[in-house]
């Protein structure tokens, strides 16, 4: 367990698709790791998440690029899972070696594969499975493996499966988190709706909706996207490698009390970076704003400058600035008047380096009622439209929807 209790925050570094050490995506990966490790060392982020498709063809030489990059940032905790490209040549032997090296270390939390005999068309086969769980900052994090149980290989299309052992494990982990009063974040390669088996598809989506799962963080799409069903935020981040979605960077997600927040951080925008973590935006809310004339405004600030140099303030609809003070290493807070009819809330952070950043949201109203369950739970059917402030274009330009056939 690490971080500040009640404020969970991590960096999501999107699908890498590594091939050669000198490629642009490999250079960008090293730059992102430089920035994220510095932020972790200041106590601002809990870990870096890699959502699969780490190597373009799942080859050992491609994973060597990643292990070298991670070795240069040994103070940064990393949590990773497999994607379909990590099985492109029909085997996960090279991924198994990567998992053993990275996840078997202190940097990776010392997690190990779980071996199961999984059904195959002819006979059960022993399969290493790469799922695990860990608690960070009061949030139970469940990392799923949609790849190992699949039957497919390159040329045969996508074949996402969980397998019965992982489904049972996931169910028991959610029940234990409920008993312990812990919210959950689920980390997976893609939407539950992409699972091959209809039974698994419905089971995973139902378990997520039926328990206190606040966030499902995904890769695979190659673009930034948020889909909120009134209970759970499904979030995907753009690829570092194959991509048509604008500036490279990483996503930042946080769970702060009852609010889940998410925003993309482009590399071509210098720190500081700010993200409002309370109150919730109307598009991501799970409960109404508390009645009254004052609201508590909280924001995550990412900066390499000393906290003493930060200058942060909140504004309501362009009104006067309300200074915000630090509460812990990563959050600033203020009590702000919220008059009737107020619409927009902005937080600006400066850190003495000459730069600043502002995020603006539209807080949920006091009369908010969560929507009913969607017709296709665990899918992108209820995604938000373009949201530039979050880094979301809304056009789904990626290889798995409307983009290039990579």
Protein backbone atom coordinates (compact mmCIF):
# COMPACT_ATOMS: atom_id res chain seq x y z
CA UNK A 1 0.00 0.00 0.00
CA UNK A 2 1.27 3.47 -0.81
CA UNK A 3 0.20 7.05 -1.43
CA UNK A 4 -2.07 9.39 0.49
CA UNK A 5 -5.16 7.64 1.91
CA UNK A 6 -8.32 8.72 0.10
CA UNK A 7 -6.45 10.17 -2.89
CA UNK A 8 -5.44 7.54 -5.40
CA UNK A 9 -3.68 8.75 -8.56
CA UNK A 10 -1.71 7.01 -11.30
CA UNK A 11 -0.30 7.57 -14.78
CA UNK A 12 -1.60 5.49 -17.69
CA UNK A 13 1.03 5.14 -20.45
CA UNK A 14 -0.84 3.85 -23.51
CA UNK A 15 -0.15 0.90 -25.84
CA UNK A 16 3.54 0.98 -26.79
CA UNK A 17 3.82 -1.34 -29.85
CA UNK A 18 7.62 -1.34 -29.50
CA UNK A 19 9.73 -2.56 -32.42
CA UNK A 20 13.14 -0.80 -32.60
CA UNK A 21 15.04 1.12 -29.85
CA UNK A 22 15.40 4.24 -32.02
CA UNK A 23 11.75 4.45 -33.10
CA UNK A 24 9.75 7.52 -32.14
CA UNK A 25 7.51 5.60 -29.75
CA UNK A 26 10.53 4.17 -27.89
CA UNK A 27 11.99 7.68 -27.50
CA UNK A 28 8.61 9.00 -26.33
CA UNK A 29 8.33 6.17 -23.81
CA UNK A 30 11.64 7.11 -22.22
CA UNK A 31 10.59 10.78 -22.05
CA UNK A 32 7.28 9.89 -20.44
CA UNK A 33 9.00 7.68 -17.88
CA UNK A 34 11.39 10.54 -17.03
CA UNK A 35 8.44 12.80 -16.26
CA UNK A 36 6.31 10.23 -14.43
CA UNK A 37 9.16 8.98 -12.26
CA UNK A 38 9.91 12.53 -11.15
CA UNK A 39 6.27 13.03 -10.19
CA UNK A 40 6.19 9.73 -8.30
CA UNK A 41 9.35 10.69 -6.42
CA UNK A 42 7.53 13.81 -5.21
CA UNK A 43 4.69 11.65 -3.86
CA UNK A 44 2.24 12.76 -6.55
CA UNK A 45 1.50 9.48 -8.38
CA UNK A 46 1.17 5.93 -7.08
CA UNK A 47 2.42 4.00 -10.13
CA UNK A 48 2.61 3.84 -13.92
CA UNK A 49 0.18 1.53 -15.71
CA UNK A 50 1.01 -0.21 -19.01
CA UNK A 51 -2.23 -1.69 -20.49
CA UNK A 52 -0.81 -4.30 -22.87
CA UNK A 53 0.29 -4.27 -26.52
CA UNK A 54 3.73 -3.54 -25.14
CA UNK A 55 5.50 -5.08 -28.13
CA UNK A 56 4.28 -4.98 -31.71
CA UNK A 57 4.73 -8.72 -32.21
CA UNK A 58 5.35 -10.01 -28.67
CA UNK A 59 9.04 -10.74 -29.39
CA UNK A 60 11.86 -10.86 -26.83
CA UNK A 61 13.94 -8.20 -28.65
CA UNK A 62 10.98 -5.82 -28.52
CA UNK A 63 10.48 -6.43 -24.80
CA UNK A 64 14.19 -5.72 -24.29
CA UNK A 65 13.45 -2.10 -25.28
CA UNK A 66 10.91 -1.87 -22.48
CA UNK A 67 13.01 -3.56 -19.82
CA UNK A 68 15.95 -1.25 -20.61
CA UNK A 69 13.69 1.79 -20.33
CA UNK A 70 12.23 0.60 -17.03
CA UNK A 71 15.67 -0.28 -15.64
CA UNK A 72 16.64 3.37 -16.09
CA UNK A 73 13.68 4.33 -13.87
CA UNK A 74 13.96 1.75 -11.12
CA UNK A 75 12.34 4.00 -8.51
CA UNK A 76 9.06 4.08 -10.45
CA UNK A 77 6.51 1.37 -9.56
CA UNK A 78 5.09 -0.22 -12.71
CA UNK A 79 2.03 -2.39 -13.15
CA UNK A 80 1.47 -4.06 -16.52
CA UNK A 81 -0.81 -6.54 -18.26
CA UNK A 82 -0.85 -8.28 -21.65
CA UNK A 83 -2.56 -7.13 -24.86
CA UNK A 84 -3.41 -9.01 -28.03
CA UNK A 85 -0.18 -7.87 -29.74
CA UNK A 86 1.76 -9.54 -26.92
CA UNK A 87 0.55 -12.81 -28.44
CA UNK A 88 0.89 -11.89 -32.10
CA UNK A 89 3.09 -14.87 -33.00
CA UNK A 90 0.87 -17.37 -31.20
CA UNK A 91 2.91 -17.71 -28.01
CA UNK A 92 3.31 -15.74 -24.79
CA UNK A 93 6.65 -17.29 -23.85
CA UNK A 94 8.50 -14.01 -24.36
CA UNK A 95 5.83 -12.10 -22.43
CA UNK A 96 6.18 -14.61 -19.61
CA UNK A 97 9.90 -13.79 -19.42
CA UNK A 98 9.11 -10.06 -19.35
CA UNK A 99 6.50 -10.52 -16.62
CA UNK A 100 8.90 -12.61 -14.54
CA UNK A 101 11.61 -9.96 -14.84
CA UNK A 102 9.56 -6.80 -14.30
CA UNK A 103 6.67 -7.97 -12.14
CA UNK A 104 8.85 -10.26 -10.09
CA UNK A 105 10.87 -7.26 -8.92
CA UNK A 106 10.22 -4.64 -6.30
CA UNK A 107 9.43 -2.23 -9.11
CA UNK A 108 6.59 -4.50 -10.25
CA UNK A 109 5.26 -5.47 -6.84
CA UNK A 110 6.67 -9.01 -6.99
CA UNK A 111 3.55 -10.41 -8.66
CA UNK A 112 3.76 -13.85 -10.26
CA UNK A 113 1.70 -15.64 -12.94
CA UNK A 114 -1.05 -18.04 -11.90
CA UNK A 115 -1.12 -21.35 -13.75
CA UNK A 116 -4.42 -22.96 -14.75
CA UNK A 117 -5.58 -25.82 -16.94
CA UNK A 118 -7.96 -24.04 -19.29
CA UNK A 119 -10.42 -25.66 -21.69
CA UNK A 120 -9.38 -26.00 -25.32
CA UNK A 121 -11.30 -27.62 -28.21
CA UNK A 122 -9.51 -30.95 -27.70
CA UNK A 123 -8.15 -31.11 -24.16
CA UNK A 124 -7.36 -28.78 -21.23
CA UNK A 125 -3.99 -27.05 -21.55
CA UNK A 126 -1.81 -25.57 -18.80
CA UNK A 127 -1.74 -21.77 -19.28
CA UNK A 128 0.12 -19.10 -17.23
CA UNK A 129 -2.35 -16.35 -16.38
CA UNK A 130 -1.23 -12.79 -15.60
CA UNK A 131 -3.85 -11.37 -13.24
CA UNK A 132 -3.26 -9.96 -9.76
CA UNK A 133 -4.52 -7.46 -7.17
CA UNK A 134 -3.01 -4.79 -4.94
CA UNK A 135 -4.24 -1.95 -2.74
CA UNK A 136 -3.02 1.61 -3.30
CA UNK A 137 -4.19 4.62 -1.29
CA UNK A 138 -7.34 2.89 -0.07
CA UNK A 139 -8.36 1.60 -3.53
CA UNK A 140 -8.34 -2.11 -4.43
CA UNK A 141 -6.72 -2.41 -7.86
CA UNK A 142 -7.58 -5.51 -9.92
CA UNK A 143 -5.41 -6.21 -12.97
CA UNK A 144 -7.07 -8.57 -15.46
CA UNK A 145 -5.66 -10.80 -18.19
CA UNK A 146 -7.91 -11.04 -21.26
CA UNK A 147 -5.23 -12.60 -23.45
CA UNK A 148 -3.84 -15.85 -22.00
CA UNK A 149 -7.15 -17.72 -22.05
CA UNK A 150 -7.80 -16.85 -25.70
CA UNK A 151 -7.47 -19.31 -28.56
CA UNK A 152 -6.34 -16.85 -31.24
CA UNK A 153 -3.13 -15.81 -32.88
CA UNK A 154 -2.07 -13.37 -35.60
CA UNK A 155 -4.23 -13.74 -38.67
CA UNK A 156 -7.18 -15.18 -36.76
CA UNK A 157 -8.58 -11.96 -35.31
CA UNK A 158 -9.12 -10.84 -31.72
CA UNK A 159 -9.89 -13.51 -29.15
CA UNK A 160 -10.37 -11.98 -25.73
CA UNK A 161 -11.26 -14.37 -22.90
CA UNK A 162 -10.93 -14.54 -19.11
CA UNK A 163 -11.32 -18.23 -18.29
CA UNK A 164 -13.36 -19.63 -15.37
CA UNK A 165 -10.54 -19.43 -12.81
CA UNK A 166 -10.04 -15.71 -13.36
CA UNK A 167 -13.78 -15.01 -13.30
CA UNK A 168 -14.08 -16.77 -9.93
CA UNK A 169 -11.06 -14.87 -8.61
CA UNK A 170 -12.48 -11.55 -9.79
CA UNK A 171 -15.83 -12.27 -8.13
CA UNK A 172 -14.16 -13.12 -4.81
CA UNK A 173 -11.90 -10.05 -4.95
CA UNK A 174 -14.86 -7.74 -5.48
CA UNK A 175 -16.74 -9.37 -2.59
CA UNK A 176 -13.70 -8.99 -0.31
CA UNK A 177 -13.34 -5.31 -1.28
CA UNK A 178 -17.01 -4.76 -0.46
CA UNK A 179 -16.51 -6.34 2.98
CA UNK A 180 -13.47 -4.15 3.59
CA UNK A 181 -15.27 -1.00 2.41
CA UNK A 182 -12.77 -0.41 -0.40
CA UNK A 183 -13.64 1.07 -3.79
CA UNK A 184 -12.13 -0.78 -6.77
CA UNK A 185 -10.30 0.17 -9.93
CA UNK A 186 -10.11 -2.45 -12.67
CA UNK A 187 -7.26 -2.50 -15.18
CA UNK A 188 -7.82 -4.38 -18.43
CA UNK A 189 -6.76 -4.28 -22.05
CA UNK A 190 -10.17 -3.45 -23.52
CA UNK A 191 -13.88 -3.07 -22.84
CA UNK A 192 -15.73 -6.08 -21.36
CA UNK A 193 -17.97 -5.90 -24.42
CA UNK A 194 -14.99 -7.05 -26.53
CA UNK A 195 -14.78 -10.43 -24.80
CA UNK A 196 -15.36 -13.31 -27.22
CA UNK A 197 -17.76 -15.31 -25.08
CA UNK A 198 -21.21 -13.71 -24.53
CA UNK A 199 -21.43 -15.32 -21.07
CA UNK A 200 -18.08 -13.84 -20.00
CA UNK A 201 -19.03 -10.49 -21.53
CA UNK A 202 -22.24 -10.27 -19.51
CA UNK A 203 -20.62 -11.67 -16.36
CA UNK A 204 -17.73 -9.20 -16.30
CA UNK A 205 -19.92 -6.19 -17.07
CA UNK A 206 -22.45 -7.33 -14.45
CA UNK A 207 -19.82 -7.84 -11.76
CA UNK A 208 -18.40 -4.39 -12.43
CA UNK A 209 -21.79 -2.73 -12.23
CA UNK A 210 -22.90 -4.80 -9.24
CA UNK A 211 -19.96 -3.84 -7.02
CA UNK A 212 -18.17 -0.66 -6.03
CA UNK A 213 -15.99 -0.46 -9.15
CA UNK A 214 -15.29 3.19 -9.68
CA UNK A 215 -12.95 3.01 -12.67
CA UNK A 216 -12.13 0.62 -15.52
CA UNK A 217 -8.86 1.73 -17.17
CA UNK A 218 -8.12 0.33 -20.63
CA UNK A 219 -5.83 0.44 -23.64
CA UNK A 220 -6.49 -1.17 -27.05
CA UNK A 221 -8.59 1.61 -28.64
CA UNK A 222 -5.52 3.82 -29.30
CA UNK A 223 -7.53 6.98 -28.59
CA UNK A 224 -8.65 8.87 -25.48
CA UNK A 225 -12.21 8.02 -24.52
CA UNK A 226 -14.49 8.21 -21.48
CA UNK A 227 -17.68 6.20 -21.09
CA UNK A 228 -19.62 6.68 -17.86
CA UNK A 229 -22.65 4.57 -16.97
CA UNK A 230 -23.68 6.47 -13.83
CA UNK A 231 -21.73 4.15 -11.54
CA UNK A 232 -18.41 3.35 -13.24
CA UNK A 233 -16.08 5.35 -15.48
CA UNK A 234 -14.61 3.39 -18.40
CA UNK A 235 -11.50 5.19 -19.65
CA UNK A 236 -9.11 4.42 -22.49
CA UNK A 237 -5.94 6.33 -23.38
CA UNK A 238 -4.24 6.92 -26.70
CA UNK A 239 -1.40 4.73 -27.87
CA UNK A 240 2.21 5.86 -27.54
CA UNK A 241 3.00 3.84 -30.67
CA UNK A 242 0.34 3.48 -33.37
CA UNK A 243 -1.91 6.50 -33.11
CA UNK A 244 -3.95 9.14 -34.93
CA UNK A 245 -5.13 11.02 -31.84
CA UNK A 246 -2.90 14.09 -31.56
CA UNK A 247 -0.05 14.76 -29.15
CA UNK A 248 1.62 11.85 -27.41
CA UNK A 249 1.47 11.81 -23.63
CA UNK A 250 -0.11 9.89 -20.77
CA UNK A 251 -3.42 9.88 -18.94
CA UNK A 252 -3.84 10.73 -15.26
CA UNK A 253 -6.69 9.19 -13.27
CA UNK A 254 -7.65 9.74 -9.63
CA UNK A 255 -10.20 8.54 -7.09
CA UNK A 256 -10.83 11.10 -4.36
CA UNK A 257 -13.62 10.16 -2.00
CA UNK A 258 -16.81 9.77 -4.05
CA UNK A 259 -15.35 11.30 -7.22
CA UNK A 260 -13.42 9.64 -10.05
CA UNK A 261 -11.54 11.96 -12.40
CA UNK A 262 -9.44 11.61 -15.54
CA UNK A 263 -7.46 13.92 -17.84
CA UNK A 264 -4.82 13.51 -20.54
CA UNK A 265 -1.37 15.10 -20.10
CA UNK A 266 0.37 15.80 -23.47
CA UNK A 267 4.16 15.74 -23.45
CA UNK A 268 4.31 18.95 -25.46
CA UNK A 269 2.67 20.84 -22.58
CA UNK A 270 5.06 21.53 -19.72
CA UNK A 271 4.26 21.00 -16.07
CA UNK A 272 2.47 21.99 -13.89
CA UNK A 273 -0.64 19.95 -14.58
CA UNK A 274 -3.89 20.26 -12.63
CA UNK A 275 -6.99 18.07 -12.47
CA UNK A 276 -10.09 18.81 -10.40
CA UNK A 277 -10.84 15.81 -8.18
CA UNK A 278 -13.90 17.22 -6.39
CA UNK A 279 -16.67 18.05 -7.09
CA UNK A 280 -17.52 15.76 -10.00
CA UNK A 281 -18.25 17.04 -13.47
CA UNK A 282 -21.87 16.40 -14.48
CA UNK A 283 -20.69 13.95 -17.17
CA UNK A 284 -18.81 11.78 -14.66
CA UNK A 285 -20.97 12.09 -11.55
CA UNK A 286 -22.40 9.25 -9.49
CA UNK A 287 -24.24 11.33 -6.90
CA UNK A 288 -25.65 14.87 -6.64
CA UNK A 289 -23.78 17.90 -5.38
CA UNK A 290 -24.42 18.52 -1.69
CA UNK A 291 -27.00 21.24 -1.11
CA UNK A 292 -25.74 24.51 0.33
CA UNK A 293 -24.06 27.73 -0.67
CA UNK A 294 -20.46 26.48 -0.38
CA UNK A 295 -18.61 23.61 -2.00
CA UNK A 296 -15.28 21.94 -1.23
CA UNK A 297 -13.01 22.17 -4.26
CA UNK A 298 -10.05 19.79 -4.48
CA UNK A 299 -7.50 19.36 -7.23
CA UNK A 300 -4.50 17.16 -8.00
CA UNK A 301 -1.39 19.13 -8.92
CA UNK A 302 1.56 17.56 -10.73
CA UNK A 303 4.78 19.56 -10.61
CA UNK A 304 8.47 19.04 -10.02
CA UNK A 305 8.70 22.36 -8.16
CA UNK A 306 8.56 22.47 -4.35
CA UNK A 307 5.04 22.68 -3.02
CA UNK A 308 5.97 25.94 -1.28
CA UNK A 309 6.26 27.52 -4.74
CA UNK A 310 2.79 26.46 -5.87
CA UNK A 311 0.09 29.11 -6.34
CA UNK A 312 -3.37 27.68 -6.90
CA UNK A 313 -6.82 29.20 -7.00
CA UNK A 314 -10.41 28.36 -7.95
CA UNK A 315 -12.94 30.48 -9.82
CA UNK A 316 -16.69 30.13 -10.33
CA UNK A 317 -17.94 31.33 -13.72
CA UNK A 318 -14.99 33.71 -14.14
CA UNK A 319 -15.56 35.35 -10.74
CA UNK A 320 -12.97 36.22 -8.09
CA UNK A 321 -10.03 33.92 -7.36
CA UNK A 322 -10.27 31.78 -4.22
CA UNK A 323 -6.81 30.68 -2.98
CA UNK A 324 -6.31 26.95 -2.50
CA UNK A 325 -4.00 25.44 0.10
CA UNK A 326 -2.15 22.10 0.06
CA UNK A 327 -3.64 19.17 1.98
CA UNK A 328 -1.05 16.44 1.63
CA UNK A 329 1.61 16.21 -1.07
CA UNK A 330 -0.67 16.03 -4.13
CA UNK A 331 -3.96 17.81 -3.40
CA UNK A 332 -4.91 21.47 -2.97
CA UNK A 333 -8.24 22.48 -1.46
CA UNK A 334 -10.52 25.46 -0.87
CA UNK A 335 -14.04 26.19 0.36
CA UNK A 336 -15.69 28.13 -2.44
CA UNK A 337 -19.09 29.90 -2.54
CA UNK A 338 -21.43 28.22 -5.03
CA UNK A 339 -24.36 30.54 -5.75
CA UNK A 340 -27.59 29.38 -7.32
CA UNK A 341 -27.28 29.20 -11.09
CA UNK A 342 -23.49 28.74 -11.03
CA UNK A 343 -22.30 26.73 -14.01
CA UNK A 344 -18.53 26.40 -14.42
CA UNK A 345 -15.68 25.77 -11.98
CA UNK A 346 -12.04 26.42 -12.89
CA UNK A 347 -8.83 25.64 -11.00
CA UNK A 348 -5.51 27.19 -12.01
CA UNK A 349 -2.12 26.01 -10.74
CA UNK A 350 1.22 27.76 -11.13
CA UNK A 351 4.48 26.48 -9.64
CA UNK A 352 6.98 29.34 -9.92
CA UNK A 353 8.60 28.01 -13.10
CA UNK A 354 6.78 30.48 -15.36
CA UNK A 355 4.11 28.04 -16.46
CA UNK A 356 0.56 27.38 -15.33
CA UNK A 357 -2.35 25.09 -16.12
CA UNK A 358 -6.11 25.41 -15.78
CA UNK A 359 -8.89 22.84 -15.80
CA UNK A 360 -12.55 23.80 -16.08
CA UNK A 361 -15.49 21.52 -15.36
CA UNK A 362 -19.27 21.80 -15.10
CA UNK A 363 -20.09 20.51 -11.63
CA UNK A 364 -23.00 18.13 -11.14
CA UNK A 365 -26.22 19.72 -9.88
CA UNK A 366 -28.02 19.13 -6.59
CA UNK A 367 -30.83 17.45 -8.53
CA UNK A 368 -28.68 14.86 -10.30
CA UNK A 369 -30.11 11.35 -10.62
CA UNK A 370 -27.84 8.56 -11.91
CA UNK A 371 -29.04 7.14 -15.24
CA UNK A 372 -30.45 3.61 -15.51
CA UNK A 373 -28.21 0.72 -16.54
CA UNK A 374 -27.22 1.03 -20.20
CA UNK A 375 -28.43 -1.45 -22.80
CA UNK A 376 -24.85 -2.52 -23.54
CA UNK A 377 -23.04 -2.42 -20.19
CA UNK A 378 -19.27 -2.56 -20.38
CA UNK A 379 -19.17 -1.04 -23.87
CA UNK A 380 -18.45 2.31 -25.54
CA UNK A 381 -22.12 2.80 -26.44
CA UNK A 382 -22.52 5.48 -23.73
CA UNK A 383 -19.21 7.30 -24.34
CA UNK A 384 -18.96 11.06 -23.96
CA UNK A 385 -18.60 13.18 -27.07
CA UNK A 386 -15.62 15.45 -27.80
CA UNK A 387 -14.23 17.01 -24.59
CA UNK A 388 -11.11 19.05 -25.43
CA UNK A 389 -10.42 19.95 -21.80
CA UNK A 390 -9.89 16.26 -21.04
CA UNK A 391 -7.92 15.61 -24.23
CA UNK A 392 -10.79 13.73 -25.92
CA UNK A 393 -11.44 14.31 -29.63
CA UNK A 394 -14.45 12.02 -29.81
CA UNK A 395 -13.76 10.75 -33.33
CA UNK A 396 -12.53 7.25 -32.36
CA UNK A 397 -9.60 7.38 -34.77
CA UNK A 398 -7.87 4.13 -33.87
CA UNK A 399 -7.26 0.78 -35.53
CA UNK A 400 -10.13 -0.92 -33.72
CA UNK A 401 -12.94 1.48 -34.71
CA UNK A 402 -12.60 4.18 -37.39
CA UNK A 403 -8.88 4.64 -37.90
CA UNK A 404 -6.07 3.23 -39.96
CA UNK A 405 -5.68 -0.53 -40.43
CA UNK A 406 -2.35 -0.83 -38.64
